[in-house]
C-alpha cells in the first residue's frame, strides 16, 4: 500500500542531512510519523501502554479494597473488645463470689469458735455448781469463816468473771422456763403464781440455763384450800379392771384386816 505522499503523483524526497544547507545549523532528530509517534526512543510502546493501564487498574482496585479492609479491622477490634469485656465481667463475678464465700467462712468459723468456748466454759461451771451450793449452805449456817471464807470468796469472784450468774428471788413471778417448782400452795397475798421461797438458786451463763431455780410456788386462793379433790383408792380386780374398795366402819377394807387402832379399842372395851 502506498503512503499518502506517493499517492499525490510525485516522488517523495526526504532530506536526511544533519546540517541545514541554508542556515548551517545542526538539525535535531527527525520526529517519527505514524503509529510510532507516541513511543519513546528505546522503549516498547505496547508494554508501556499496558503498564500504564495495569497501574491504573491496580490503583483503582487498591482504592476500592481499602474501605473494606478498614471495615474488617474495625469489626475485628469491636469483637475483641466485646470478648475482653465479657472476660472482665466473668473474672469480676468470680472474684466477688470468692470474696463472699471467704467472708461467710470467716463468720462461720468465728461463730463456731465462740460456741465451742461457751460450751467448754459452761461445762466447767456446771461442775462447780454443787460446790457453790455447799458454800451457800455454809454461809447460811455461819460456818463460812477464816481461810475457808477467803477461798469461797475467790471462787465466787472467779466464776463471776467467767460469766456465771445466779438468779431466783422471793416474790418474783413463777416462770417454768427458769424455775422448778418443788412445793405448791395457795395464798391470798398473791395475784399470780409466785415464787414465795427460793430453795436453791439457779445458775446461767449468758442465755444458757445451767440449772433452774428450785422454788416453792403459791397461787391465788385461800390458805386452807386443798391442792386437789381426793379420789377413792382403787385396786385392780382379778379380771384386770378397777375394783372399788369398800371401807368398813372399823376402818378396814372389805376382805382385809382391821386397823391397829380398832383392835386396841376392842381390847380396851373387853377389859
Protein backbone atom coordinates (compact mmCIF):
# COMPACT_ATOMS: atom_id res chain seq x y z
CA UNK A 1 0.00 0.00 0.00
CA UNK A 2 1.37 3.40 -0.99
CA UNK A 3 1.95 6.18 1.50
CA UNK A 4 -0.06 9.41 1.31
CA UNK A 5 2.87 11.26 -0.18
CA UNK A 6 3.23 8.78 -3.01
CA UNK A 7 -0.44 8.99 -3.96
CA UNK A 8 -0.07 12.62 -4.91
CA UNK A 9 1.60 11.54 -8.09
CA UNK A 10 5.16 12.72 -7.48
CA UNK A 11 8.29 11.35 -5.96
CA UNK A 12 8.92 11.91 -2.28
CA UNK A 13 12.28 13.38 -1.39
CA UNK A 14 13.34 13.26 2.24
CA UNK A 15 16.18 15.48 3.38
CA UNK A 16 18.17 13.49 5.96
CA UNK A 17 21.07 15.84 6.14
CA UNK A 18 22.01 16.71 9.68
CA UNK A 19 23.20 20.16 8.77
CA UNK A 20 20.76 22.57 7.25
CA UNK A 21 22.33 23.89 4.00
CA UNK A 22 20.51 27.17 4.30
CA UNK A 23 21.41 28.07 7.87
CA UNK A 24 24.33 25.80 8.60
CA UNK A 25 22.81 24.67 11.90
CA UNK A 26 22.75 21.11 13.12
CA UNK A 27 19.34 19.67 12.75
CA UNK A 28 17.69 17.82 15.57
CA UNK A 29 16.45 14.29 15.33
CA UNK A 30 13.58 13.94 13.00
CA UNK A 31 10.21 13.14 14.60
CA UNK A 32 8.81 9.76 13.61
CA UNK A 33 5.49 9.52 11.96
CA UNK A 34 2.57 7.14 12.15
CA UNK A 35 1.88 4.69 14.94
CA UNK A 36 5.39 5.05 16.40
CA UNK A 37 4.99 8.78 17.08
CA UNK A 38 3.87 8.24 20.76
CA UNK A 39 6.71 5.86 21.57
CA UNK A 40 9.86 7.00 23.33
CA UNK A 41 13.29 6.26 21.98
CA UNK A 42 14.46 2.88 23.08
CA UNK A 43 11.06 1.92 24.63
CA UNK A 44 8.34 -0.51 23.74
CA UNK A 45 5.09 1.32 23.16
CA UNK A 46 2.88 -1.70 23.73
CA UNK A 47 4.46 -2.60 27.03
CA UNK A 48 4.38 0.99 28.26
CA UNK A 49 0.71 1.30 27.44
CA UNK A 50 -0.13 -1.99 29.13
CA UNK A 51 1.93 -0.99 32.20
CA UNK A 52 0.11 2.31 32.44
CA UNK A 53 -3.21 0.54 32.13
CA UNK A 54 -2.19 -2.05 34.76
CA UNK A 55 -1.06 0.67 37.16
CA UNK A 56 -4.33 2.47 36.71
CA UNK A 57 -6.27 -0.75 37.29
CA UNK A 58 -4.28 -1.71 40.40
CA UNK A 59 -4.71 1.78 41.82
CA UNK A 60 -8.46 1.59 41.33
CA UNK A 61 -8.58 -1.87 42.91
CA UNK A 62 -6.46 -0.84 45.90
CA UNK A 63 -8.60 2.22 46.40
CA UNK A 64 -11.75 0.07 46.35
CA UNK A 65 -10.28 -2.58 48.70
CA UNK A 66 -9.03 -0.11 51.34
CA UNK A 67 -12.52 0.75 52.79
CA UNK A 68 -13.32 -2.96 53.04
CA UNK A 69 -10.09 -3.61 54.92
CA UNK A 70 -10.79 -0.70 57.27
CA UNK A 71 -14.27 -2.03 57.99
CA UNK A 72 -12.90 -5.51 58.63
CA UNK A 73 -10.26 -4.15 61.02
CA UNK A 74 -12.85 -2.14 62.93
CA UNK A 75 -15.14 -5.20 63.15
CA UNK A 76 -12.24 -7.31 64.47
CA UNK A 77 -11.40 -4.66 67.06
CA UNK A 78 -15.04 -4.49 68.16
CA UNK A 79 -15.24 -8.28 68.55
CA UNK A 80 -12.01 -8.31 70.55
CA UNK A 81 -13.27 -5.54 72.84
CA UNK A 82 -16.54 -7.41 73.39
CA UNK A 83 -14.64 -10.61 74.25
CA UNK A 84 -12.39 -8.72 76.68
CA UNK A 85 -15.41 -7.07 78.31
CA UNK A 86 -17.07 -10.48 78.77
CA UNK A 87 -13.91 -11.96 80.29
CA UNK A 88 -13.57 -8.97 82.62
CA UNK A 89 -17.17 -9.33 83.79
CA UNK A 90 -16.68 -13.08 84.35
CA UNK A 91 -13.49 -12.58 86.34
CA UNK A 92 -15.12 -9.82 88.39
CA UNK A 93 -18.08 -12.09 89.21
CA UNK A 94 -15.70 -14.91 90.21
CA UNK A 95 -13.75 -12.54 92.46
CA UNK A 96 -16.92 -11.26 94.12
CA UNK A 97 -18.19 -14.81 94.68
CA UNK A 98 -14.89 -15.95 96.21
CA UNK A 99 -14.81 -12.85 98.43
CA UNK A 100 -18.37 -13.50 99.67
CA UNK A 101 -17.61 -17.18 100.33
CA UNK A 102 -14.49 -16.27 102.31
CA UNK A 103 -16.41 -13.70 104.36
CA UNK A 104 -19.11 -16.28 105.15
CA UNK A 105 -16.43 -18.82 106.06
CA UNK A 106 -14.80 -16.38 108.48
CA UNK A 107 -18.14 -15.60 110.11
CA UNK A 108 -18.95 -19.31 110.46
CA UNK A 109 -15.54 -20.08 111.97
CA UNK A 110 -15.88 -17.22 114.47
CA UNK A 111 -19.39 -18.36 115.40
CA UNK A 112 -18.27 -21.97 115.87
CA UNK A 113 -15.24 -20.89 117.89
CA UNK A 114 -17.43 -18.78 120.17
CA UNK A 115 -19.93 -21.63 120.59
CA UNK A 116 -17.17 -24.11 121.47
CA UNK A 117 -15.69 -21.70 124.02
CA UNK A 118 -19.09 -21.06 125.62
CA UNK A 119 -19.80 -24.80 125.78
CA UNK A 120 -16.45 -25.51 127.42
CA UNK A 121 -16.91 -22.75 130.00
CA UNK A 122 -20.47 -23.91 130.69
CA UNK A 123 -19.29 -27.49 131.29
CA UNK A 124 -16.68 -26.33 133.80
CA UNK A 125 -19.08 -24.05 135.62
CA UNK A 126 -21.77 -26.74 135.72
CA UNK A 127 -19.31 -28.96 137.59
CA UNK A 128 -18.77 -26.18 140.15
CA UNK A 129 -22.49 -25.65 140.88
CA UNK A 130 -22.59 -28.25 143.73
CA UNK A 131 -19.54 -26.59 145.29
CA UNK A 132 -21.30 -23.23 145.19
CA UNK A 133 -24.36 -24.82 146.82
CA UNK A 134 -22.18 -26.09 149.68
CA UNK A 135 -20.66 -22.64 150.07
CA UNK A 136 -24.13 -21.08 150.22
CA UNK A 137 -25.33 -23.52 152.88
CA UNK A 138 -22.18 -22.92 154.94
CA UNK A 139 -22.77 -19.16 154.73
CA UNK A 140 -26.37 -19.61 155.90
CA UNK A 141 -25.24 -21.59 158.96
CA UNK A 142 -22.44 -19.18 159.82
CA UNK A 143 -19.68 -21.68 159.09
CA UNK A 144 -18.03 -19.63 156.36
CA UNK A 145 -15.18 -18.14 158.40
CA UNK A 146 -11.41 -17.92 158.33
CA UNK A 147 -9.42 -19.24 155.41
CA UNK A 148 -12.42 -21.14 154.07
CA UNK A 149 -14.24 -17.81 153.62
CA UNK A 150 -11.32 -16.37 151.60
CA UNK A 151 -11.27 -19.42 149.33
CA UNK A 152 -15.05 -19.26 148.85
CA UNK A 153 -14.94 -15.55 148.01
CA UNK A 154 -12.14 -16.11 145.47
CA UNK A 155 -14.04 -18.95 143.83
CA UNK A 156 -17.25 -16.94 143.56
CA UNK A 157 -15.34 -13.97 142.08
CA UNK A 158 -13.65 -16.24 139.51
CA UNK A 159 -16.83 -17.88 138.32
CA UNK A 160 -18.49 -14.46 138.11
CA UNK A 161 -15.71 -13.30 135.77
CA UNK A 162 -16.38 -16.34 133.59
CA UNK A 163 -19.99 -15.19 133.22
CA UNK A 164 -21.79 -17.31 135.81
CA UNK A 165 -24.87 -15.62 137.27
CA UNK A 166 -27.21 -16.77 140.00
CA UNK A 167 -30.91 -15.95 139.81
CA UNK A 168 -34.04 -16.50 141.82
CA UNK A 169 -35.60 -14.15 144.39
CA UNK A 170 -38.57 -14.36 146.68
CA UNK A 171 -41.68 -12.71 145.28
CA UNK A 172 -40.84 -12.93 141.57
CA UNK A 173 -43.42 -14.42 139.20
CA UNK A 174 -43.11 -18.11 138.52
CA UNK A 175 -41.62 -18.87 135.09
CA UNK A 176 -41.45 -22.57 134.16
CA UNK A 177 -38.57 -21.81 131.79
CA UNK A 178 -36.22 -20.78 134.60
CA UNK A 179 -37.94 -22.11 137.74
CA UNK A 180 -38.54 -25.61 139.02
CA UNK A 181 -41.45 -25.87 141.45
CA UNK A 182 -40.78 -28.26 144.34
CA UNK A 183 -43.79 -27.32 146.54
CA UNK A 184 -47.17 -25.82 145.79
CA UNK A 185 -49.60 -23.89 148.00
CA UNK A 186 -52.35 -21.28 147.89
CA UNK A 187 -52.15 -17.78 149.32
CA UNK A 188 -54.42 -14.76 149.35
CA UNK A 189 -51.42 -12.44 149.26
CA UNK A 190 -50.54 -13.20 145.63
CA UNK A 191 -52.40 -12.42 142.42
CA UNK A 192 -50.49 -14.84 140.17
CA UNK A 193 -48.27 -17.89 140.56
CA UNK A 194 -45.39 -16.53 142.61
CA UNK A 195 -42.11 -17.88 143.98
CA UNK A 196 -42.60 -17.45 147.73
CA UNK A 197 -39.37 -19.22 148.69
CA UNK A 198 -36.10 -19.96 146.87
CA UNK A 199 -34.96 -23.42 147.95
CA UNK A 200 -31.93 -23.48 145.64
CA UNK A 201 -30.74 -20.61 143.41
CA UNK A 202 -30.49 -21.09 139.69
CA UNK A 203 -27.37 -20.53 137.59
CA UNK A 204 -26.91 -19.43 134.00
CA UNK A 205 -24.15 -18.36 131.62
CA UNK A 206 -25.44 -15.76 129.19
CA UNK A 207 -28.65 -17.22 127.78
CA UNK A 208 -27.74 -20.80 128.72
CA UNK A 209 -29.50 -22.13 131.83
CA UNK A 210 -27.17 -24.41 133.77
CA UNK A 211 -29.72 -25.18 136.48
CA UNK A 212 -33.21 -23.77 137.04
CA UNK A 213 -34.02 -22.18 140.39
CA UNK A 214 -35.84 -24.59 142.68
CA UNK A 215 -38.65 -22.75 144.40
CA UNK A 216 -41.86 -23.03 146.40
CA UNK A 217 -44.82 -21.72 144.41
CA UNK A 218 -48.02 -20.15 145.73
CA UNK A 219 -51.15 -19.47 143.69
CA UNK A 220 -54.05 -17.10 144.46
CA UNK A 221 -56.64 -18.68 146.76
CA UNK A 222 -57.50 -19.44 150.40
CA UNK A 223 -54.65 -20.68 152.55
CA UNK A 224 -56.60 -23.78 153.64
CA UNK A 225 -57.74 -24.77 150.15
CA UNK A 226 -56.57 -28.27 149.27
CA UNK A 227 -54.36 -28.82 146.26
CA UNK A 228 -56.96 -31.05 144.58
CA UNK A 229 -60.01 -33.29 145.27
CA UNK A 230 -59.35 -36.60 146.99
CA UNK A 231 -60.09 -39.60 144.85
CA UNK A 232 -61.12 -43.01 146.27
CA UNK A 233 -58.44 -45.65 146.28
CA UNK A 234 -58.87 -48.28 143.62
CA UNK A 235 -57.20 -51.62 143.03
CA UNK A 236 -57.49 -53.86 140.02
CA UNK A 237 -59.72 -56.92 140.38
CA UNK A 238 -58.88 -60.39 139.16
CA UNK A 239 -60.18 -59.64 135.67
CA UNK A 240 -57.74 -56.73 135.34
CA UNK A 241 -60.35 -53.98 135.72
CA UNK A 242 -60.52 -51.43 138.54
CA UNK A 243 -62.32 -52.58 141.66
CA UNK A 244 -63.75 -50.32 144.34
CA UNK A 245 -62.56 -50.75 147.90
CA UNK A 246 -65.38 -50.54 150.42
CA UNK A 247 -64.33 -49.25 153.79
CA UNK A 248 -65.99 -50.74 156.85
CA UNK A 249 -66.76 -48.79 159.99
CA UNK A 250 -63.77 -50.28 161.71
CA UNK A 251 -61.52 -48.63 159.10
CA UNK A 252 -60.58 -51.86 157.30
CA UNK A 253 -61.37 -52.58 153.73
CA UNK A 254 -63.66 -55.46 152.85
CA UNK A 255 -61.69 -58.71 152.86
CA UNK A 256 -58.78 -57.19 154.82
CA UNK A 257 -57.60 -56.99 158.38
CA UNK A 258 -58.83 -54.23 160.72
CA UNK A 259 -56.63 -51.37 161.59
CA UNK A 260 -54.46 -51.50 164.67
CA UNK A 261 -56.42 -48.73 166.33
CA UNK A 262 -59.61 -50.81 166.03
CA UNK A 263 -58.01 -53.81 167.70
CA UNK A 264 -56.68 -51.69 170.54
CA UNK A 265 -60.10 -50.15 171.09
CA UNK A 266 -61.72 -53.62 171.22
CA UNK A 267 -59.30 -54.89 173.80
CA UNK A 268 -59.89 -51.82 175.90
CA UNK A 269 -63.64 -52.41 175.85
CA UNK A 270 -63.21 -56.03 176.81
CA UNK A 271 -61.09 -55.10 179.77
